Amino acid sequence: MERPMDPYTLAIPTYVQMLRGLSAQLSKGEAFAADNGLSTDDLLTARLAPDMFPLSTQVRFVCTQASDLLRHLTGADSFAPAEDAADFEGLRAQLADAVARLEATPASAFDGAAQRKVELKLPNGVVFDMTGEQFVRDWAFAQFYFHATTAYAILRHKGVPLGKPDWVSHMFAYIRPGTFPGG
């Protein structure tokens, strides 16, 4: 018999650590702009390709994905930002709000969420019918990571000195003492 996943245990810590990591990446981006005489708009409006959304929208979409996770699986009201933030402080505030809302949601709010029927309506009229487990596995994680990765890639593309440790900064909590190179 297949065991349903626990959406709370899987999604909430994952989203929280990645949102915090993105906030730190944005701080590095803001410092990089200041140190290199760039306008913050150079980063906020940067895109990987002409038909892609800019950094500020990618951050908003990451927050939208966090909001959608709670809305679809717990029935919570949407908290997705309505507009892109105008500066780095605003971007970090959007991320902090998403973290606070995720952390304030009790595990009990996800009771039965794996089996819950989810109707996902896209703006183009396409509707997906799936279970909560399928929603998390096949849609929510993919969308969340797409926008988080794109934000990271935009910053890297613009020269911000980010690396793997910035992407998985949460992993430092697991380093065995005495095994970190140079440390």
C-alpha atoms as a PDB file:
ATOM      1  CA  MET A   1       0.000   0.000   0.000  1.00  0.00           C
ATOM      2  CA  GLU A   2       1.296   3.423  -0.940  1.00  0.00           C
ATOM      3  CA  ARG A   3       1.740   5.766   1.985  1.00  0.00           C
ATOM      4  CA  PRO A   4       0.684   9.378   1.421  1.00  0.00           C
ATOM      5  CA  MET A   5       3.338  11.985   2.053  1.00  0.00           C
ATOM      6  CA  ASP A   6       3.035  14.551   4.802  1.00  0.00           C
ATOM      7  CA  PRO A   7       2.831  17.886   2.938  1.00  0.00           C
ATOM      8  CA  TYR A   8       3.546  19.940   6.069  1.00  0.00           C
ATOM      9  CA  THR A   9       6.738  18.086   7.012  1.00  0.00           C
ATOM     10  CA  LEU A  10       7.994  18.087   3.456  1.00  0.00           C
ATOM     11  CA  ALA A  11       6.997  21.552   2.240  1.00  0.00           C
ATOM     12  CA  ILE A  12       7.059  24.013   5.121  1.00  0.00           C
ATOM     13  CA  PRO A  13      10.699  23.564   6.245  1.00  0.00           C
ATOM     14  CA  THR A  14      11.798  23.381   2.596  1.00  0.00           C
ATOM     15  CA  TYR A  15      10.054  26.594   1.634  1.00  0.00           C
ATOM     16  CA  VAL A  16      11.210  28.417   4.767  1.00  0.00           C
ATOM     17  CA  GLN A  17      14.890  27.556   4.301  1.00  0.00           C
ATOM     18  CA  MET A  18      14.825  28.490   0.608  1.00  0.00           C
ATOM     19  CA  LEU A  19      12.985  31.781   1.246  1.00  0.00           C
ATOM     20  CA  ARG A  20      15.556  32.711   3.891  1.00  0.00           C
ATOM     21  CA  GLY A  21      18.361  31.738   1.526  1.00  0.00           C
ATOM     22  CA  LEU A  22      16.911  33.909  -1.232  1.00  0.00           C
ATOM     23  CA  SER A  23      16.691  36.824   1.197  1.00  0.00           C
ATOM     24  CA  ALA A  24      20.404  36.449   1.967  1.00  0.00           C
ATOM     25  CA  GLN A  25      21.184  36.231  -1.761  1.00  0.00           C
ATOM     26  CA  LEU A  26      19.300  39.491  -2.304  1.00  0.00           C
ATOM     27  CA  SER A  27      21.338  41.135   0.459  1.00  0.00           C
ATOM     28  CA  LYS A  28      24.506  40.067  -1.341  1.00  0.00           C
ATOM     29  CA  GLY A  29      23.068  41.485  -4.554  1.00  0.00           C
ATOM     30  CA  GLU A  30      22.284  44.802  -2.932  1.00  0.00           C
ATOM     31  CA  ALA A  31      25.796  45.018  -1.446  1.00  0.00           C
ATOM     32  CA  PHE A  32      27.313  44.072  -4.818  1.00  0.00           C
ATOM     33  CA  ALA A  33      25.387  46.883  -6.512  1.00  0.00           C
ATOM     34  CA  ALA A  34      26.562  49.407  -3.927  1.00  0.00           C
ATOM     35  CA  ASP A  35      30.190  48.230  -4.079  1.00  0.00           C
ATOM     36  CA  ASN A  36      30.252  48.320  -7.881  1.00  0.00           C
ATOM     37  CA  GLY A  37      28.401  51.563  -8.534  1.00  0.00           C
ATOM     38  CA  LEU A  38      25.346  49.855  -9.990  1.00  0.00           C
ATOM     39  CA  SER A  39      21.886  51.184  -9.535  1.00  0.00           C
ATOM     40  CA  THR A  40      19.678  48.751  -7.640  1.00  0.00           C
ATOM     41  CA  ASP A  41      17.281  49.036 -10.591  1.00  0.00           C
ATOM     42  CA  ASP A  42      19.990  47.375 -12.714  1.00  0.00           C
ATOM     43  CA  LEU A  43      19.443  44.247 -10.628  1.00  0.00           C
ATOM     44  CA  LEU A  44      15.734  44.564  -9.854  1.00  0.00           C
ATOM     45  CA  THR A  45      14.831  44.832 -13.531  1.00  0.00           C
ATOM     46  CA  ALA A  46      17.393  42.311 -14.810  1.00  0.00           C
ATOM     47  CA  ARG A  47      16.125  39.303 -16.788  1.00  0.00           C
ATOM     48  CA  LEU A  48      17.750  36.145 -18.089  1.00  0.00           C
ATOM     49  CA  ALA A  49      15.978  36.512 -21.426  1.00  0.00           C
ATOM     50  CA  PRO A  50      13.763  39.209 -22.954  1.00  0.00           C
ATOM     51  CA  ASP A  51      10.611  37.093 -22.570  1.00  0.00           C
ATOM     52  CA  MET A  52      11.269  36.259 -18.909  1.00  0.00           C
ATOM     53  CA  PHE A  53      10.177  38.239 -15.869  1.00  0.00           C
ATOM     54  CA  PRO A  54      12.698  40.434 -14.000  1.00  0.00           C
ATOM     55  CA  LEU A  55      14.250  39.690 -10.614  1.00  0.00           C
ATOM     56  CA  SER A  56      11.607  41.625  -8.667  1.00  0.00           C
ATOM     57  CA  THR A  57       8.823  39.569 -10.270  1.00  0.00           C
ATOM     58  CA  GLN A  58      10.672  36.293  -9.697  1.00  0.00           C
ATOM     59  CA  VAL A  59      10.791  37.102  -5.975  1.00  0.00           C
ATOM     60  CA  ARG A  60       7.093  37.995  -5.965  1.00  0.00           C
ATOM     61  CA  PHE A  61       6.311  34.705  -7.722  1.00  0.00           C
ATOM     62  CA  VAL A  62       8.307  32.729  -5.141  1.00  0.00           C
ATOM     63  CA  CYS A  63       6.097  34.322  -2.475  1.00  0.00           C
ATOM     64  CA  THR A  64       3.010  33.595  -4.588  1.00  0.00           C
ATOM     65  CA  GLN A  65       3.975  29.928  -4.693  1.00  0.00           C
ATOM     66  CA  ALA A  66       4.271  29.856  -0.885  1.00  0.00           C
ATOM     67  CA  SER A  67       0.841  31.481  -0.622  1.00  0.00           C
ATOM     68  CA  ASP A  68      -0.674  29.068  -3.132  1.00  0.00           C
ATOM     69  CA  LEU A  69       0.664  26.093  -1.189  1.00  0.00           C
ATOM     70  CA  LEU A  70      -1.230  27.188   1.921  1.00  0.00           C
ATOM     71  CA  ARG A  71      -4.314  28.259  -0.007  1.00  0.00           C
ATOM     72  CA  HIS A  72      -4.707  24.971  -1.849  1.00  0.00           C
ATOM     73  CA  LEU A  73      -3.769  22.640   0.995  1.00  0.00           C
ATOM     74  CA  THR A  74      -5.150  24.394   4.071  1.00  0.00           C
ATOM     75  CA  GLY A  75      -7.782  26.791   2.729  1.00  0.00           C
ATOM     76  CA  ALA A  76      -5.829  29.806   4.026  1.00  0.00           C
ATOM     77  CA  ASP A  77      -6.447  33.203   2.488  1.00  0.00           C
ATOM     78  CA  SER A  78      -3.973  34.302  -0.148  1.00  0.00           C
ATOM     79  CA  PHE A  79      -1.126  36.509   1.044  1.00  0.00           C
ATOM     80  CA  ALA A  80       0.638  36.745  -2.311  1.00  0.00           C
ATOM     81  CA  PRO A  81       2.078  40.203  -2.995  1.00  0.00           C
ATOM     82  CA  ALA A  82      -0.031  42.099  -5.516  1.00  0.00           C
ATOM     83  CA  GLU A  83       2.921  44.012  -6.949  1.00  0.00           C
ATOM     84  CA  ASP A  84       6.653  43.735  -7.344  1.00  0.00           C
ATOM     85  CA  ALA A  85       8.631  45.405  -4.578  1.00  0.00           C
ATOM     86  CA  ALA A  86      10.408  48.587  -5.628  1.00  0.00           C
ATOM     87  CA  ASP A  87      13.654  47.945  -3.746  1.00  0.00           C
ATOM     88  CA  PHE A  88      15.673  45.253  -2.014  1.00  0.00           C
ATOM     89  CA  GLU A  89      14.183  46.074   1.367  1.00  0.00           C
ATOM     90  CA  GLY A  90      10.724  45.487  -0.101  1.00  0.00           C
ATOM     91  CA  LEU A  91      11.792  42.185  -1.669  1.00  0.00           C
ATOM     92  CA  ARG A  92      13.171  40.971   1.653  1.00  0.00           C
ATOM     93  CA  ALA A  93       9.966  42.126   3.391  1.00  0.00           C
ATOM     94  CA  GLN A  94       7.891  40.044   0.949  1.00  0.00           C
ATOM     95  CA  LEU A  95      10.062  37.012   1.692  1.00  0.00           C
ATOM     96  CA  ALA A  96       9.926  37.616   5.467  1.00  0.00           C
ATOM     97  CA  ASP A  97       6.133  37.843   5.323  1.00  0.00           C
ATOM     98  CA  ALA A  98       5.964  34.535   3.448  1.00  0.00           C
ATOM     99  CA  VAL A  99       8.250  32.896   6.025  1.00  0.00           C
ATOM    100  CA  ALA A 100       6.179  34.258   8.914  1.00  0.00           C
ATOM    101  CA  ARG A 101       2.935  32.991   7.393  1.00  0.00           C
ATOM    102  CA  LEU A 102       4.367  29.561   6.662  1.00  0.00           C
ATOM    103  CA  GLU A 103       5.797  29.262  10.168  1.00  0.00           C
ATOM    104  CA  ALA A 104       2.513  30.421  11.726  1.00  0.00           C
ATOM    105  CA  THR A 105       0.584  27.640  10.004  1.00  0.00           C
ATOM    106  CA  PRO A 106       0.200  24.675  12.355  1.00  0.00           C
ATOM    107  CA  ALA A 107       0.850  21.160  11.119  1.00  0.00           C
ATOM    108  CA  SER A 108      -2.769  20.331  11.974  1.00  0.00           C
ATOM    109  CA  ALA A 109      -3.911  22.702   9.205  1.00  0.00           C
ATOM    110  CA  PHE A 110      -2.517  20.120   6.772  1.00  0.00           C
ATOM    111  CA  ASP A 111      -4.559  17.210   8.160  1.00  0.00           C
ATOM    112  CA  GLY A 112      -5.895  15.306   5.160  1.00  0.00           C
ATOM    113  CA  ALA A 113      -4.083  17.631   2.727  1.00  0.00           C
ATOM    114  CA  ALA A 114      -2.348  14.817   0.826  1.00  0.00           C
ATOM    115  CA  GLN A 115      -5.714  13.363  -0.218  1.00  0.00           C
ATOM    116  CA  ARG A 116      -7.504  16.710  -0.635  1.00  0.00           C
ATOM    117  CA  LYS A 117      -8.816  17.416  -4.134  1.00  0.00           C
ATOM    118  CA  VAL A 118      -7.044  20.384  -5.683  1.00  0.00           C
ATOM    119  CA  GLU A 119      -8.448  22.279  -8.650  1.00  0.00           C
ATOM    120  CA  LEU A 120      -5.652  24.356 -10.157  1.00  0.00           C
ATOM    121  CA  LYS A 121      -6.932  26.963 -12.604  1.00  0.00           C
ATOM    122  CA  LEU A 122      -4.370  28.717 -14.786  1.00  0.00           C
ATOM    123  CA  PRO A 123      -4.961  32.190 -16.262  1.00  0.00           C
ATOM    124  CA  ASN A 124      -5.068  30.686 -19.775  1.00  0.00           C
ATOM    125  CA  GLY A 125      -8.116  28.581 -18.882  1.00  0.00           C
ATOM    126  CA  VAL A 126      -6.365  25.244 -18.349  1.00  0.00           C
ATOM    127  CA  VAL A 127      -7.589  23.438 -15.230  1.00  0.00           C
ATOM    128  CA  PHE A 128      -5.689  20.650 -13.496  1.00  0.00           C
ATOM    129  CA  ASP A 129      -7.465  18.242 -11.135  1.00  0.00           C
ATOM    130  CA  MET A 130      -5.178  16.459  -8.689  1.00  0.00           C
ATOM    131  CA  THR A 131      -4.740  15.427  -5.096  1.00  0.00           C
ATOM    132  CA  GLY A 132      -2.861  17.540  -2.581  1.00  0.00           C
ATOM    133  CA  GLU A 133       0.059  15.139  -2.789  1.00  0.00           C
ATOM    134  CA  GLN A 134       0.168  15.437  -6.585  1.00  0.00           C
ATOM    135  CA  PHE A 135      -0.128  19.229  -6.288  1.00  0.00           C
ATOM    136  CA  VAL A 136       2.894  19.445  -3.965  1.00  0.00           C
ATOM    137  CA  ARG A 137       5.027  16.933  -5.845  1.00  0.00           C
ATOM    138  CA  ASP A 138       4.164  17.799  -9.441  1.00  0.00           C
ATOM    139  CA  TRP A 139       3.281  21.509  -9.354  1.00  0.00           C
ATOM    140  CA  ALA A 140       4.107  23.400  -6.160  1.00  0.00           C
ATOM    141  CA  PHE A 141       7.727  22.336  -5.770  1.00  0.00           C
ATOM    142  CA  ALA A 142       8.472  22.752  -9.468  1.00  0.00           C
ATOM    143  CA  GLN A 143       7.005  26.266  -9.610  1.00  0.00           C
ATOM    144  CA  PHE A 144       8.608  27.362  -6.340  1.00  0.00           C
ATOM    145  CA  TYR A 145      12.067  26.154  -7.341  1.00  0.00           C
ATOM    146  CA  PHE A 146      11.758  27.512 -10.881  1.00  0.00           C
ATOM    147  CA  HIS A 147      11.298  31.069  -9.606  1.00  0.00           C
ATOM    148  CA  ALA A 148      13.846  30.747  -6.768  1.00  0.00           C
ATOM    149  CA  THR A 149      16.424  29.358  -9.195  1.00  0.00           C
ATOM    150  CA  THR A 150      15.682  32.053 -11.754  1.00  0.00           C
ATOM    151  CA  ALA A 151      16.158  34.785  -9.137  1.00  0.00           C
ATOM    152  CA  TYR A 152      19.503  33.228  -8.150  1.00  0.00           C
ATOM    153  CA  ALA A 153      20.527  32.930 -11.822  1.00  0.00           C
ATOM    154  CA  ILE A 154      19.664  36.574 -12.532  1.00  0.00           C
ATOM    155  CA  LEU A 155      21.865  37.707  -9.658  1.00  0.00           C
ATOM    156  CA  ARG A 156      24.718  35.471 -10.864  1.00  0.00           C
ATOM    157  CA  HIS A 157      24.221  36.678 -14.446  1.00  0.00           C
ATOM    158  CA  LYS A 158      24.653  40.268 -13.252  1.00  0.00           C
ATOM    159  CA  GLY A 159      27.930  39.375 -11.515  1.00  0.00           C
ATOM    160  CA  VAL A 160      26.822  38.950  -7.912  1.00  0.00           C
ATOM    161  CA  PRO A 161      29.386  36.595  -6.333  1.00  0.00           C
ATOM    162  CA  LEU A 162      27.042  33.788  -5.341  1.00  0.00           C
ATOM    163  CA  GLY A 163      27.965  30.137  -5.246  1.00  0.00           C
ATOM    164  CA  LYS A 164      26.635  26.783  -4.127  1.00  0.00           C
ATOM    165  CA  PRO A 165      27.009  27.698  -0.426  1.00  0.00           C
ATOM    166  CA  ASP A 166      24.575  30.581  -0.998  1.00  0.00           C
ATOM    167  CA  TRP A 167      22.067  28.243  -2.633  1.00  0.00           C
ATOM    168  CA  VAL A 168      22.214  25.599   0.093  1.00  0.00           C
ATOM    169  CA  SER A 169      23.240  27.733   3.058  1.00  0.00           C
ATOM    170  CA  HIS A 170      20.876  25.716   5.264  1.00  0.00           C
ATOM    171  CA  MET A 171      23.242  22.752   4.887  1.00  0.00           C
ATOM    172  CA  PHE A 172      25.866  24.367   7.114  1.00  0.00           C
ATOM    173  CA  ALA A 173      23.832  23.181  10.115  1.00  0.00           C
ATOM    174  CA  TYR A 174      24.724  19.593   9.192  1.00  0.00           C
ATOM    175  CA  ILE A 175      28.495  19.897   8.778  1.00  0.00           C
ATOM    176  CA  ARG A 176      30.362  17.400  10.891  1.00  0.00           C
ATOM    177  CA  PRO A 177      32.823  19.296  13.103  1.00  0.00           C
ATOM    178  CA  GLY A 178      36.364  19.235  11.789  1.00  0.00           C
ATOM    179  CA  THR A 179      35.406  18.370   8.194  1.00  0.00           C
ATOM    180  CA  PHE A 180      34.914  21.836   6.698  1.00  0.00           C
ATOM    181  CA  PRO A 181      37.844  22.696   4.378  1.00  0.00           C
ATOM    182  CA  GLY A 182      40.003  25.456   5.843  1.00  0.00           C
ATOM    183  CA  GLY A 183      37.922  25.522   9.009  1.00  0.00           C
END
